[in-house]
């Protein structure tokens, strides 16, 4: 299968793991991030996500330097290298820690990113997972470390006006009881990601059509700058 690991060249010494995570945010789930001296690796779940990220982000500014992105045929030789390079960040990029204390946030403004949502919900308790508009527009998911954190979030934020929309918080923990076997939930997410990737195909097709046009106008404007 195609590689889902990206080699990052000309990586600034200043770049932190968090910088890299933010840089690649929105292209799919990140499995691993490794920072070495002046270069690094980031591994996605899917090779298509890696392709998209390279196409959009190659040559862009990451922590003050323009990075070179290439598909990595092979990353570090063994898992130990991965684990060492991760700096003990562990599960942060692995399976996201969706706990059973899970809230669905409805009617969420698209101007609210997952970071905004997470920062807001941190006032209620320890947030272990956050995403926004990933499965559905105007919907977010927040998981808390404890049940009491979740309850506090509902008291504090259910019905609250956030960026012009009253958000609705739904306790999703009950539905997530042990009766739903793990394998069933896994197949559900596979089905979901399948439909997502189908729409991604459509998008990348139209993108490739405009790609050559983009490049022309880009080189034209570049020569004008000079």
N, C-alpha and C. Protein backbone atom coordinates (compact mmCIF):
# COMPACT_ATOMS: atom_id res chain seq x y z
N UNK A 1 0.85 -1.20 0.00
CA UNK A 1 0.00 0.00 0.00
C UNK A 1 0.88 1.24 0.00
N UNK A 2 0.30 2.34 -0.43
CA UNK A 2 1.04 3.60 -0.45
C UNK A 2 1.45 3.97 0.97
N UNK A 3 2.52 4.74 1.08
CA UNK A 3 2.98 5.16 2.39
C UNK A 3 2.04 6.21 2.96
N UNK A 4 1.83 6.15 4.26
CA UNK A 4 1.02 7.20 4.90
C UNK A 4 1.92 8.02 5.81
N UNK A 5 3.24 7.87 5.61
CA UNK A 5 4.19 8.59 6.45
C UNK A 5 4.87 9.68 5.63
N UNK A 6 4.95 10.86 6.22
CA UNK A 6 5.55 12.00 5.53
C UNK A 6 6.89 12.33 6.16
N UNK A 7 7.89 12.51 5.31
CA UNK A 7 9.18 13.02 5.75
C UNK A 7 9.11 14.54 5.72
N UNK A 8 9.52 15.19 6.81
CA UNK A 8 9.55 16.65 6.89
C UNK A 8 11.00 17.10 6.86
N UNK A 9 11.39 17.76 5.78
CA UNK A 9 12.76 18.27 5.68
C UNK A 9 12.82 19.76 5.99
N UNK A 10 14.03 20.25 6.29
CA UNK A 10 14.25 21.65 6.66
C UNK A 10 13.35 22.05 7.82
N UNK A 11 13.25 21.18 8.79
CA UNK A 11 12.39 21.44 9.94
C UNK A 11 13.12 22.35 10.92
N UNK A 12 12.46 23.43 11.29
CA UNK A 12 13.07 24.39 12.22
C UNK A 12 13.41 23.73 13.55
N UNK A 13 14.55 24.12 14.12
CA UNK A 13 14.93 23.62 15.45
C UNK A 13 13.87 24.05 16.48
N UNK A 14 13.19 25.15 16.17
CA UNK A 14 12.21 25.68 17.12
C UNK A 14 10.90 24.91 17.12
N UNK A 15 10.68 24.10 16.10
CA UNK A 15 9.37 23.45 15.96
C UNK A 15 9.14 22.44 17.08
N UNK A 16 8.02 22.57 17.74
CA UNK A 16 7.65 21.61 18.79
C UNK A 16 6.68 20.59 18.20
N UNK A 17 6.44 19.52 18.96
CA UNK A 17 5.48 18.52 18.53
C UNK A 17 4.12 19.16 18.30
N UNK A 18 3.78 20.09 19.18
CA UNK A 18 2.48 20.76 19.07
C UNK A 18 2.40 21.58 17.78
N UNK A 19 3.51 22.26 17.43
CA UNK A 19 3.54 23.02 16.17
C UNK A 19 3.25 22.10 14.99
N UNK A 20 3.89 20.94 15.01
CA UNK A 20 3.74 20.00 13.90
C UNK A 20 2.30 19.49 13.86
N UNK A 21 1.76 19.18 15.04
CA UNK A 21 0.39 18.68 15.11
C UNK A 21 -0.58 19.72 14.54
N UNK A 22 -0.38 20.98 14.90
CA UNK A 22 -1.27 22.05 14.40
C UNK A 22 -1.10 22.26 12.90
N UNK A 23 0.14 22.18 12.44
CA UNK A 23 0.44 22.38 11.02
C UNK A 23 -0.34 21.39 10.16
N UNK A 24 -0.41 20.13 10.62
CA UNK A 24 -1.07 19.08 9.84
C UNK A 24 -2.53 18.87 10.23
N UNK A 25 -3.03 19.73 11.11
CA UNK A 25 -4.39 19.54 11.61
C UNK A 25 -5.41 19.57 10.48
N UNK A 26 -6.38 18.70 10.55
CA UNK A 26 -7.47 18.76 9.57
C UNK A 26 -7.27 17.85 8.38
N UNK A 27 -6.12 17.17 8.31
CA UNK A 27 -5.89 16.28 7.17
C UNK A 27 -6.18 14.83 7.49
N UNK A 28 -6.64 14.55 8.70
CA UNK A 28 -6.89 13.16 9.06
C UNK A 28 -6.21 12.86 10.37
N UNK A 29 -6.45 11.66 10.87
CA UNK A 29 -5.90 11.32 12.18
C UNK A 29 -4.40 11.07 12.09
N UNK A 30 -3.67 11.71 12.99
CA UNK A 30 -2.21 11.54 13.04
C UNK A 30 -1.89 10.40 13.99
N UNK A 31 -1.09 9.46 13.52
CA UNK A 31 -0.70 8.33 14.37
C UNK A 31 0.54 8.64 15.20
N UNK A 32 1.54 9.20 14.53
CA UNK A 32 2.82 9.42 15.20
C UNK A 32 3.44 10.71 14.70
N UNK A 33 4.20 11.34 15.59
CA UNK A 33 5.03 12.47 15.18
C UNK A 33 6.41 12.25 15.77
N UNK A 34 7.44 12.40 14.94
CA UNK A 34 8.81 12.29 15.43
C UNK A 34 9.58 13.52 15.00
N UNK A 35 10.28 14.11 15.93
CA UNK A 35 11.13 15.25 15.60
C UNK A 35 12.58 14.86 15.82
N UNK A 36 13.40 15.01 14.79
CA UNK A 36 14.84 14.81 14.92
C UNK A 36 15.50 16.16 14.73
N UNK A 37 16.83 16.17 14.58
CA UNK A 37 17.51 17.45 14.37
C UNK A 37 17.36 17.92 12.93
N UNK A 38 16.51 18.92 12.70
CA UNK A 38 16.37 19.46 11.37
C UNK A 38 15.48 18.67 10.43
N UNK A 39 14.90 17.57 10.90
CA UNK A 39 13.93 16.86 10.08
C UNK A 39 12.99 16.09 11.00
N UNK A 40 11.97 15.50 10.41
CA UNK A 40 11.03 14.74 11.23
C UNK A 40 10.14 13.87 10.37
N UNK A 41 9.23 13.16 11.04
CA UNK A 41 8.26 12.32 10.35
C UNK A 41 6.89 12.54 10.97
N UNK A 42 5.87 12.45 10.15
CA UNK A 42 4.51 12.42 10.68
C UNK A 42 3.80 11.30 9.94
N UNK A 43 3.09 10.48 10.70
CA UNK A 43 2.40 9.36 10.08
C UNK A 43 0.90 9.50 10.26
N UNK A 44 0.17 9.40 9.14
CA UNK A 44 -1.29 9.47 9.15
C UNK A 44 -1.88 8.07 9.12
N UNK A 45 -3.18 7.98 9.40
CA UNK A 45 -3.88 6.72 9.25
C UNK A 45 -3.96 6.31 7.78
N UNK A 46 -4.13 7.29 6.90
CA UNK A 46 -4.37 6.93 5.50
C UNK A 46 -3.39 7.62 4.56
N UNK A 47 -3.03 6.91 3.50
CA UNK A 47 -2.07 7.47 2.54
C UNK A 47 -2.70 8.63 1.78
N UNK A 48 -4.02 8.61 1.63
CA UNK A 48 -4.66 9.71 0.93
C UNK A 48 -4.54 11.00 1.74
N UNK A 49 -4.68 10.88 3.06
CA UNK A 49 -4.50 12.05 3.92
C UNK A 49 -3.08 12.60 3.78
N UNK A 50 -2.11 11.68 3.74
CA UNK A 50 -0.72 12.10 3.61
C UNK A 50 -0.51 12.83 2.27
N UNK A 51 -1.09 12.28 1.20
CA UNK A 51 -0.99 12.93 -0.12
C UNK A 51 -1.57 14.34 -0.10
N UNK A 52 -2.76 14.46 0.46
CA UNK A 52 -3.42 15.78 0.52
C UNK A 52 -2.56 16.78 1.29
N UNK A 53 -2.02 16.33 2.41
CA UNK A 53 -1.22 17.22 3.25
C UNK A 53 0.01 17.70 2.49
N UNK A 54 0.67 16.78 1.79
CA UNK A 54 1.87 17.15 1.03
C UNK A 54 1.50 18.15 -0.07
N UNK A 55 0.41 17.87 -0.77
CA UNK A 55 0.01 18.75 -1.87
C UNK A 55 -0.27 20.17 -1.38
N UNK A 56 -0.97 20.28 -0.25
CA UNK A 56 -1.36 21.61 0.25
C UNK A 56 -0.26 22.32 1.03
N UNK A 57 0.58 21.55 1.74
CA UNK A 57 1.45 22.17 2.74
C UNK A 57 2.93 22.22 2.37
N UNK A 58 3.34 21.51 1.32
CA UNK A 58 4.75 21.50 0.95
C UNK A 58 5.22 22.93 0.67
N UNK A 59 6.34 23.32 1.29
CA UNK A 59 6.88 24.66 1.08
C UNK A 59 6.27 25.73 1.97
N UNK A 60 5.29 25.33 2.79
CA UNK A 60 4.66 26.30 3.68
C UNK A 60 5.50 26.49 4.94
N UNK A 61 5.20 27.58 5.64
CA UNK A 61 5.97 27.98 6.81
C UNK A 61 5.55 27.18 8.06
N UNK A 62 6.50 26.47 8.65
CA UNK A 62 6.25 25.76 9.90
C UNK A 62 7.27 26.25 10.92
N UNK A 63 6.79 26.96 11.92
CA UNK A 63 7.66 27.51 12.97
C UNK A 63 8.80 28.34 12.39
N UNK A 64 8.51 29.11 11.34
CA UNK A 64 9.49 30.05 10.82
C UNK A 64 10.32 29.58 9.64
N UNK A 65 10.22 28.30 9.28
CA UNK A 65 10.97 27.81 8.12
C UNK A 65 10.04 27.13 7.14
N UNK A 66 10.36 27.27 5.84
CA UNK A 66 9.56 26.58 4.83
C UNK A 66 10.01 25.12 4.78
N UNK A 67 9.07 24.23 5.01
CA UNK A 67 9.45 22.81 5.08
C UNK A 67 9.31 22.13 3.72
N UNK A 68 10.09 21.07 3.56
CA UNK A 68 9.98 20.21 2.39
C UNK A 68 9.24 18.95 2.84
N UNK A 69 8.18 18.61 2.16
CA UNK A 69 7.42 17.42 2.53
C UNK A 69 7.50 16.39 1.41
N UNK A 70 7.82 15.15 1.79
CA UNK A 70 7.84 14.06 0.81
C UNK A 70 7.23 12.83 1.45
N UNK A 71 6.66 11.97 0.62
CA UNK A 71 6.21 10.69 1.16
C UNK A 71 7.45 9.92 1.58
N UNK A 72 7.40 9.36 2.77
CA UNK A 72 8.55 8.61 3.27
C UNK A 72 8.36 7.15 2.93
N UNK A 73 9.30 6.59 2.19
CA UNK A 73 9.20 5.17 1.85
C UNK A 73 9.36 4.35 3.11
N UNK A 74 10.33 4.75 3.92
CA UNK A 74 10.43 4.08 5.22
C UNK A 74 10.84 5.12 6.25
N UNK A 75 10.23 5.00 7.38
CA UNK A 75 10.56 5.93 8.46
C UNK A 75 11.65 5.30 9.29
N UNK A 76 11.67 5.56 10.56
CA UNK A 76 12.64 4.93 11.45
C UNK A 76 12.53 3.42 11.34
N UNK A 77 13.64 2.74 11.60
CA UNK A 77 13.69 1.30 11.35
C UNK A 77 12.75 0.49 12.23
N UNK A 78 12.56 0.90 13.46
CA UNK A 78 11.73 0.05 14.32
C UNK A 78 10.88 0.88 15.27
N UNK A 79 9.98 0.20 15.94
CA UNK A 79 9.03 0.89 16.81
C UNK A 79 9.74 1.67 17.91
N UNK A 80 10.87 1.15 18.38
CA UNK A 80 11.55 1.84 19.49
C UNK A 80 11.92 3.25 19.10
N UNK A 81 12.36 3.41 17.83
CA UNK A 81 12.68 4.75 17.36
C UNK A 81 11.46 5.64 17.44
N UNK A 82 10.32 5.07 17.01
CA UNK A 82 9.08 5.85 17.08
C UNK A 82 8.84 6.27 18.52
N UNK A 83 8.92 5.30 19.42
CA UNK A 83 8.56 5.58 20.81
C UNK A 83 9.50 6.59 21.43
N UNK A 84 10.80 6.45 21.11
CA UNK A 84 11.76 7.42 21.64
C UNK A 84 11.47 8.80 21.09
N UNK A 85 11.23 8.86 19.78
CA UNK A 85 11.04 10.16 19.13
C UNK A 85 9.80 10.87 19.61
N UNK A 86 8.88 10.10 20.16
CA UNK A 86 7.61 10.69 20.53
C UNK A 86 7.71 11.45 21.84
N UNK A 87 8.83 11.27 22.52
CA UNK A 87 9.02 11.99 23.77
C UNK A 87 7.98 11.64 24.80
N UNK A 88 7.54 10.39 24.82
CA UNK A 88 6.59 9.97 25.85
C UNK A 88 5.22 10.57 25.68
N UNK A 89 4.97 11.24 24.55
CA UNK A 89 3.65 11.83 24.34
C UNK A 89 2.58 10.77 24.21
N UNK A 90 3.03 9.56 23.95
CA UNK A 90 2.16 8.40 23.98
C UNK A 90 0.86 8.55 23.23
N UNK A 91 -0.23 8.32 23.95
CA UNK A 91 -1.52 8.17 23.30
C UNK A 91 -2.06 9.43 22.68
N UNK A 92 -1.30 10.51 22.70
CA UNK A 92 -1.88 11.73 22.16
C UNK A 92 -2.23 11.61 20.69
N UNK A 93 -1.43 10.87 19.94
CA UNK A 93 -1.72 10.74 18.52
C UNK A 93 -2.28 9.38 18.20
N UNK A 94 -2.12 8.45 19.13
CA UNK A 94 -2.61 7.10 18.90
C UNK A 94 -4.11 7.17 18.86
N UNK A 95 -4.80 6.08 19.22
CA UNK A 95 -6.25 6.17 19.21
C UNK A 95 -6.62 7.33 20.11
N UNK A 96 -7.44 8.27 19.64
CA UNK A 96 -7.75 9.40 20.50
C UNK A 96 -8.48 8.87 21.71
N UNK A 97 -8.24 9.50 22.86
CA UNK A 97 -8.82 8.94 24.06
C UNK A 97 -10.27 9.38 24.19
N UNK A 98 -11.14 8.73 23.44
CA UNK A 98 -12.56 8.97 23.63
C UNK A 98 -12.98 8.14 24.82
N UNK A 99 -13.27 8.81 25.92
CA UNK A 99 -13.69 8.09 27.11
C UNK A 99 -15.19 7.85 27.03
N UNK A 100 -15.73 7.15 28.01
CA UNK A 100 -17.17 6.94 27.95
C UNK A 100 -17.94 8.14 28.46
N UNK A 101 -17.23 9.16 28.96
CA UNK A 101 -17.92 10.38 29.39
C UNK A 101 -17.92 11.35 28.21
N UNK A 102 -18.90 11.16 27.35
CA UNK A 102 -18.85 11.78 26.03
C UNK A 102 -20.06 12.67 25.80
N UNK A 103 -19.79 13.88 25.31
CA UNK A 103 -20.86 14.84 25.00
C UNK A 103 -20.88 15.12 23.51
N UNK A 104 -22.06 15.19 22.96
CA UNK A 104 -22.20 15.68 21.60
C UNK A 104 -22.65 17.13 21.69
N UNK A 105 -21.97 17.99 20.95
CA UNK A 105 -22.29 19.42 20.95
C UNK A 105 -23.00 19.73 19.64
N UNK A 106 -24.27 20.11 19.73
CA UNK A 106 -25.02 20.41 18.51
C UNK A 106 -25.16 21.91 18.30
N UNK A 107 -25.44 22.29 17.05
CA UNK A 107 -25.63 23.69 16.66
C UNK A 107 -24.37 24.53 16.92
N UNK A 108 -23.23 23.94 16.62
CA UNK A 108 -21.95 24.60 16.86
C UNK A 108 -21.56 25.42 15.63
N UNK A 109 -21.25 26.69 15.84
CA UNK A 109 -20.85 27.56 14.73
C UNK A 109 -19.60 27.00 14.06
N UNK A 110 -19.55 27.08 12.74
CA UNK A 110 -18.37 26.57 12.04
C UNK A 110 -17.15 27.43 12.33
N UNK A 111 -17.38 28.60 12.91
CA UNK A 111 -16.22 29.44 13.27
C UNK A 111 -15.54 28.93 14.54
N UNK A 112 -16.20 28.01 15.23
CA UNK A 112 -15.60 27.43 16.44
C UNK A 112 -14.83 26.18 16.04
N UNK A 113 -13.51 26.22 16.23
CA UNK A 113 -12.67 25.07 15.87
C UNK A 113 -12.64 24.09 17.04
N UNK A 114 -12.03 22.94 16.80
CA UNK A 114 -11.91 21.97 17.89
C UNK A 114 -11.09 22.56 19.03
N UNK A 115 -10.09 23.41 18.70
CA UNK A 115 -9.29 24.01 19.78
C UNK A 115 -10.15 24.95 20.63
N UNK A 116 -10.98 25.77 19.94
CA UNK A 116 -11.85 26.69 20.67
C UNK A 116 -12.77 25.91 21.61
N UNK A 117 -13.33 24.84 21.06
CA UNK A 117 -14.28 24.03 21.83
C UNK A 117 -13.58 23.43 23.04
N UNK A 118 -12.37 22.92 22.80
CA UNK A 118 -11.63 22.30 23.89
C UNK A 118 -11.28 23.33 24.96
N UNK A 119 -10.82 24.51 24.52
CA UNK A 119 -10.47 25.55 25.49
C UNK A 119 -11.67 25.94 26.34
N UNK A 120 -12.82 26.05 25.69
CA UNK A 120 -14.03 26.42 26.42
C UNK A 120 -14.40 25.35 27.44
N UNK A 121 -14.40 24.09 27.00
CA UNK A 121 -14.84 23.00 27.86
C UNK A 121 -13.85 22.69 28.98
N UNK A 122 -12.61 23.14 28.81
CA UNK A 122 -11.62 22.96 29.88
C UNK A 122 -12.06 23.66 31.15
N UNK A 123 -12.89 24.69 31.01
CA UNK A 123 -13.37 25.38 32.20
C UNK A 123 -14.31 24.51 33.03
N UNK A 124 -14.81 23.44 32.42
CA UNK A 124 -15.72 22.56 33.16
C UNK A 124 -14.99 21.36 33.75
N UNK A 125 -13.86 21.00 33.17
CA UNK A 125 -13.15 19.83 33.68
C UNK A 125 -12.07 19.37 32.73
N UNK A 126 -11.56 18.17 32.98
CA UNK A 126 -10.44 17.66 32.18
C UNK A 126 -10.95 17.06 30.88
N UNK A 127 -10.61 17.72 29.76
CA UNK A 127 -11.04 17.26 28.45
C UNK A 127 -10.02 16.25 27.92
N UNK A 128 -10.50 15.07 27.53
CA UNK A 128 -9.57 14.06 27.01
C UNK A 128 -9.62 13.95 25.50
N UNK A 129 -10.67 14.51 24.90
CA UNK A 129 -10.80 14.40 23.44
C UNK A 129 -11.73 15.51 22.96
N UNK A 130 -11.40 16.09 21.83
CA UNK A 130 -12.28 17.11 21.25
C UNK A 130 -12.20 17.04 19.74
N UNK A 131 -13.35 17.12 19.08
CA UNK A 131 -13.29 17.46 17.67
C UNK A 131 -14.53 18.25 17.27
N UNK A 132 -14.45 18.91 16.13
CA UNK A 132 -15.54 19.78 15.69
C UNK A 132 -15.71 19.66 14.19
N UNK A 133 -16.96 19.49 13.76
CA UNK A 133 -17.32 19.47 12.33
C UNK A 133 -16.62 18.34 11.58
N UNK A 134 -16.22 17.28 12.29
CA UNK A 134 -15.47 16.22 11.62
C UNK A 134 -16.44 15.26 10.94
N UNK A 135 -17.38 14.72 11.73
CA UNK A 135 -18.37 13.81 11.16
C UNK A 135 -19.48 14.61 10.49
N UNK A 136 -19.91 15.67 11.17
CA UNK A 136 -21.00 16.50 10.65
C UNK A 136 -20.70 17.96 10.91
N UNK A 137 -21.09 18.80 9.95
CA UNK A 137 -21.00 20.24 10.16
C UNK A 137 -21.83 20.62 11.36
N UNK A 138 -21.38 21.65 12.08
CA UNK A 138 -22.11 22.18 13.23
C UNK A 138 -22.30 21.17 14.35
N UNK A 139 -21.41 20.19 14.41
CA UNK A 139 -21.48 19.24 15.52
C UNK A 139 -20.07 18.98 16.04
N UNK A 140 -19.96 18.91 17.35
CA UNK A 140 -18.67 18.61 17.95
C UNK A 140 -18.80 17.46 18.93
N UNK A 141 -17.66 16.91 19.32
CA UNK A 141 -17.64 15.86 20.33
C UNK A 141 -16.62 16.25 21.38
N UNK A 142 -17.00 16.08 22.63
CA UNK A 142 -16.10 16.36 23.74
C UNK A 142 -16.16 15.19 24.69
N UNK A 143 -14.99 14.68 25.09
CA UNK A 143 -14.96 13.63 26.11
C UNK A 143 -14.25 14.17 27.35
N UNK A 144 -14.76 13.78 28.50
CA UNK A 144 -14.19 14.21 29.77
C UNK A 144 -13.59 13.04 30.52
N UNK A 145 -12.68 13.37 31.42
CA UNK A 145 -12.03 12.33 32.22
C UNK A 145 -13.02 11.70 33.20
N UNK A 146 -13.92 12.50 33.73
CA UNK A 146 -14.84 11.97 34.74
C UNK A 146 -16.28 12.37 34.44
N UNK A 147 -17.17 11.62 35.06
CA UNK A 147 -18.60 11.87 34.92
C UNK A 147 -18.97 13.25 35.49
N UNK A 148 -18.34 13.62 36.59
CA UNK A 148 -18.71 14.90 37.21
C UNK A 148 -18.26 16.07 36.34
N UNK A 149 -17.13 15.91 35.63
CA UNK A 149 -16.70 16.95 34.69
C UNK A 149 -17.77 17.14 33.61
N UNK A 150 -18.27 16.01 33.10
CA UNK A 150 -19.27 16.06 32.04
C UNK A 150 -20.53 16.76 32.53
N UNK A 151 -20.97 16.41 33.75
CA UNK A 151 -22.18 17.04 34.31
C UNK A 151 -21.98 18.54 34.45
N UNK A 152 -20.79 18.92 34.90
CA UNK A 152 -20.50 20.34 35.09
C UNK A 152 -20.57 21.06 33.74
N UNK A 153 -20.07 20.41 32.70
CA UNK A 153 -20.09 21.03 31.37
C UNK A 153 -21.52 21.28 30.91
N UNK A 154 -22.40 20.31 31.17
CA UNK A 154 -23.80 20.47 30.77
C UNK A 154 -24.43 21.65 31.52
N UNK A 155 -24.19 21.68 32.85
CA UNK A 155 -24.75 22.79 33.65
C UNK A 155 -24.26 24.13 33.14
N UNK A 156 -22.98 24.17 32.82
CA UNK A 156 -22.33 25.44 32.49
C UNK A 156 -22.67 25.90 31.06
N UNK A 157 -22.73 24.95 30.13
CA UNK A 157 -22.75 25.36 28.72
C UNK A 157 -23.97 24.94 27.90
N UNK A 158 -24.83 24.07 28.43
CA UNK A 158 -25.99 23.68 27.63
C UNK A 158 -26.89 24.89 27.40
N UNK A 159 -27.22 25.18 26.14
CA UNK A 159 -28.08 26.32 25.84
C UNK A 159 -27.35 27.65 25.79
N UNK A 160 -26.06 27.61 25.99
CA UNK A 160 -25.28 28.85 26.00
C UNK A 160 -25.09 29.37 24.57
N UNK A 161 -25.10 30.69 24.45
CA UNK A 161 -24.88 31.32 23.14
C UNK A 161 -23.38 31.36 22.85
N UNK A 162 -22.97 30.64 21.82
CA UNK A 162 -21.56 30.64 21.44
C UNK A 162 -21.47 31.09 19.99
N UNK A 163 -20.89 32.26 19.81
CA UNK A 163 -20.74 32.83 18.47
C UNK A 163 -22.08 32.92 17.73
N UNK A 164 -23.10 33.36 18.44
CA UNK A 164 -24.40 33.59 17.79
C UNK A 164 -25.29 32.38 17.67
N UNK A 165 -24.85 31.22 18.18
CA UNK A 165 -25.70 30.03 18.14
C UNK A 165 -25.82 29.45 19.54
N UNK A 166 -27.03 29.04 19.90
CA UNK A 166 -27.21 28.39 21.20
C UNK A 166 -26.83 26.92 21.07
N UNK A 167 -25.79 26.53 21.75
CA UNK A 167 -25.35 25.13 21.60
C UNK A 167 -26.18 24.21 22.49
N UNK A 168 -26.34 22.99 22.04
CA UNK A 168 -27.08 21.99 22.80
C UNK A 168 -26.11 20.87 23.11
N UNK A 169 -26.05 20.49 24.38
CA UNK A 169 -25.13 19.42 24.79
C UNK A 169 -25.92 18.15 25.08
N UNK A 170 -25.52 17.08 24.44
CA UNK A 170 -26.22 15.81 24.62
C UNK A 170 -25.26 14.80 25.24
N UNK A 171 -25.69 14.24 26.35
CA UNK A 171 -24.88 13.22 27.02
C UNK A 171 -24.94 11.94 26.20
N UNK A 172 -23.83 11.61 25.59
CA UNK A 172 -23.79 10.45 24.70
C UNK A 172 -23.26 9.21 25.42
N UNK A 173 -22.93 9.36 26.71
CA UNK A 173 -22.31 8.25 27.43
C UNK A 173 -23.25 7.06 27.54
N UNK A 174 -24.53 7.36 27.74
CA UNK A 174 -25.49 6.28 27.96
C UNK A 174 -25.54 5.36 26.75
N UNK A 175 -25.58 5.97 25.56
CA UNK A 175 -25.64 5.17 24.34
C UNK A 175 -24.40 4.32 24.18
N UNK A 176 -23.30 4.80 24.78
CA UNK A 176 -22.02 4.15 24.56
C UNK A 176 -21.77 3.03 25.57
N UNK A 177 -22.85 2.48 26.12
CA UNK A 177 -22.67 1.49 27.19
C UNK A 177 -21.97 0.26 26.64
N UNK A 178 -21.56 -0.62 27.55
CA UNK A 178 -20.75 -1.77 27.11
C UNK A 178 -21.49 -2.69 26.17
N UNK A 179 -22.82 -2.55 26.12
CA UNK A 179 -23.58 -3.46 25.27
C UNK A 179 -23.19 -3.30 23.80
N UNK A 180 -22.73 -2.09 23.43
CA UNK A 180 -22.30 -1.94 22.04
C UNK A 180 -20.90 -2.50 21.93
N UNK A 181 -20.78 -3.65 21.31
CA UNK A 181 -19.47 -4.29 21.29
C UNK A 181 -18.50 -3.42 20.52
N UNK A 182 -17.24 -3.55 20.88
CA UNK A 182 -16.23 -2.71 20.26
C UNK A 182 -16.16 -2.97 18.76
N UNK A 183 -16.33 -4.23 18.37
CA UNK A 183 -16.18 -4.53 16.95
C UNK A 183 -17.28 -3.86 16.15
N UNK A 184 -18.47 -3.76 16.76
CA UNK A 184 -19.55 -3.14 16.01
C UNK A 184 -19.26 -1.66 15.80
N UNK A 185 -18.75 -1.01 16.83
CA UNK A 185 -18.47 0.42 16.67
C UNK A 185 -17.33 0.61 15.68
N UNK A 186 -16.41 -0.35 15.62
CA UNK A 186 -15.31 -0.20 14.68
C UNK A 186 -15.84 -0.28 13.25
N UNK A 187 -16.75 -1.23 13.00
CA UNK A 187 -17.24 -1.34 11.63
C UNK A 187 -18.06 -0.12 11.27
N UNK A 188 -18.72 0.49 12.27
CA UNK A 188 -19.51 1.67 11.95
C UNK A 188 -18.59 2.80 11.50
N UNK A 189 -17.47 2.96 12.21
CA UNK A 189 -16.59 4.06 11.84
C UNK A 189 -15.93 3.78 10.50
N UNK A 190 -15.73 2.49 10.18
CA UNK A 190 -15.12 2.20 8.89
C UNK A 190 -16.08 2.60 7.78
N UNK A 191 -17.37 2.31 8.00
CA UNK A 191 -18.36 2.67 6.99
C UNK A 191 -18.39 4.19 6.82
N UNK A 192 -18.31 4.88 7.94
CA UNK A 192 -18.39 6.32 7.89
C UNK A 192 -17.20 6.88 7.13
N UNK A 193 -16.00 6.37 7.42
CA UNK A 193 -14.83 6.93 6.77
C UNK A 193 -14.86 6.59 5.28
N UNK A 194 -15.55 5.50 4.94
CA UNK A 194 -15.65 5.12 3.54
C UNK A 194 -16.40 6.19 2.77
N UNK A 195 -17.54 6.60 3.32
CA UNK A 195 -18.32 7.60 2.61
C UNK A 195 -17.57 8.92 2.60
N UNK A 196 -16.80 9.17 3.67
CA UNK A 196 -16.06 10.42 3.70
C UNK A 196 -15.02 10.42 2.59
N UNK A 197 -14.35 9.27 2.41
CA UNK A 197 -13.29 9.26 1.41
C UNK A 197 -13.88 9.34 0.01
N UNK A 198 -15.14 8.90 -0.15
CA UNK A 198 -15.72 8.99 -1.48
C UNK A 198 -15.92 10.46 -1.85
N UNK A 199 -16.40 11.25 -0.88
CA UNK A 199 -16.60 12.67 -1.21
C UNK A 199 -15.25 13.34 -1.39
N UNK A 200 -14.23 12.86 -0.69
CA UNK A 200 -12.88 13.41 -0.83
C UNK A 200 -12.41 13.18 -2.27
N UNK A 201 -12.75 12.00 -2.85
CA UNK A 201 -12.38 11.73 -4.24
C UNK A 201 -12.89 12.82 -5.16
N UNK A 202 -14.17 13.12 -4.95
CA UNK A 202 -14.80 14.10 -5.81
C UNK A 202 -14.05 15.42 -5.70
N UNK A 203 -13.70 15.75 -4.43
CA UNK A 203 -13.06 17.03 -4.21
C UNK A 203 -11.69 17.05 -4.89
N UNK A 204 -10.95 15.94 -4.73
CA UNK A 204 -9.59 15.97 -5.27
C UNK A 204 -9.63 15.95 -6.79
N UNK A 205 -10.71 15.38 -7.36
CA UNK A 205 -10.82 15.42 -8.82
C UNK A 205 -10.98 16.86 -9.29
N UNK A 206 -11.89 17.58 -8.62
CA UNK A 206 -12.09 18.96 -9.07
C UNK A 206 -10.84 19.77 -8.74
N UNK A 207 -10.14 19.38 -7.67
CA UNK A 207 -8.95 20.13 -7.32
C UNK A 207 -7.89 19.92 -8.39
N UNK A 208 -7.75 18.67 -8.87
CA UNK A 208 -6.69 18.43 -9.83
C UNK A 208 -7.00 19.17 -11.13
N UNK A 209 -8.30 19.38 -11.41
CA UNK A 209 -8.64 20.13 -12.61
C UNK A 209 -8.14 21.56 -12.49
N UNK A 210 -8.32 22.14 -11.29
CA UNK A 210 -7.92 23.54 -11.14
C UNK A 210 -6.43 23.65 -10.81
N UNK A 211 -5.81 22.49 -10.55
CA UNK A 211 -4.42 22.51 -10.08
C UNK A 211 -3.50 23.18 -11.09
N UNK A 212 -3.61 22.77 -12.37
CA UNK A 212 -2.68 23.31 -13.37
C UNK A 212 -2.92 24.80 -13.53
N UNK A 213 -4.19 25.21 -13.46
CA UNK A 213 -4.49 26.63 -13.56
C UNK A 213 -3.83 27.39 -12.42
N UNK A 214 -3.98 26.83 -11.21
CA UNK A 214 -3.40 27.47 -10.03
C UNK A 214 -1.91 27.71 -10.23
N UNK A 215 -1.24 26.65 -10.70
CA UNK A 215 0.20 26.72 -10.78
C UNK A 215 0.61 27.83 -11.75
N UNK A 216 -0.12 27.94 -12.86
CA UNK A 216 0.20 28.98 -13.84
C UNK A 216 0.11 30.36 -13.21
N UNK A 217 -1.06 30.61 -12.56
CA UNK A 217 -1.24 31.95 -12.02
C UNK A 217 -0.25 32.19 -10.89
N UNK A 218 0.11 31.11 -10.19
CA UNK A 218 1.04 31.28 -9.09
C UNK A 218 2.40 31.71 -9.62
N UNK A 219 2.87 31.03 -10.69
CA UNK A 219 4.20 31.38 -11.20
C UNK A 219 4.16 32.77 -11.82
N UNK A 220 3.01 33.15 -12.40
CA UNK A 220 2.92 34.48 -12.98
C UNK A 220 3.07 35.54 -11.90
N UNK A 221 2.32 35.33 -10.79
CA UNK A 221 2.37 36.35 -9.75
C UNK A 221 3.75 36.37 -9.10
N UNK A 222 4.41 35.21 -9.09
CA UNK A 222 5.73 35.19 -8.47
C UNK A 222 6.70 36.04 -9.29
N UNK A 223 6.63 35.92 -10.62
CA UNK A 223 7.58 36.68 -11.44
C UNK A 223 7.29 38.17 -11.34
N UNK A 224 6.01 38.51 -11.12
CA UNK A 224 5.67 39.92 -10.96
C UNK A 224 6.34 40.47 -9.69
N UNK A 225 6.32 39.66 -8.62
CA UNK A 225 6.91 40.12 -7.35
C UNK A 225 8.37 40.51 -7.52
N UNK A 226 9.06 39.70 -8.29
CA UNK A 226 10.47 39.97 -8.50
C UNK A 226 10.61 41.26 -9.25
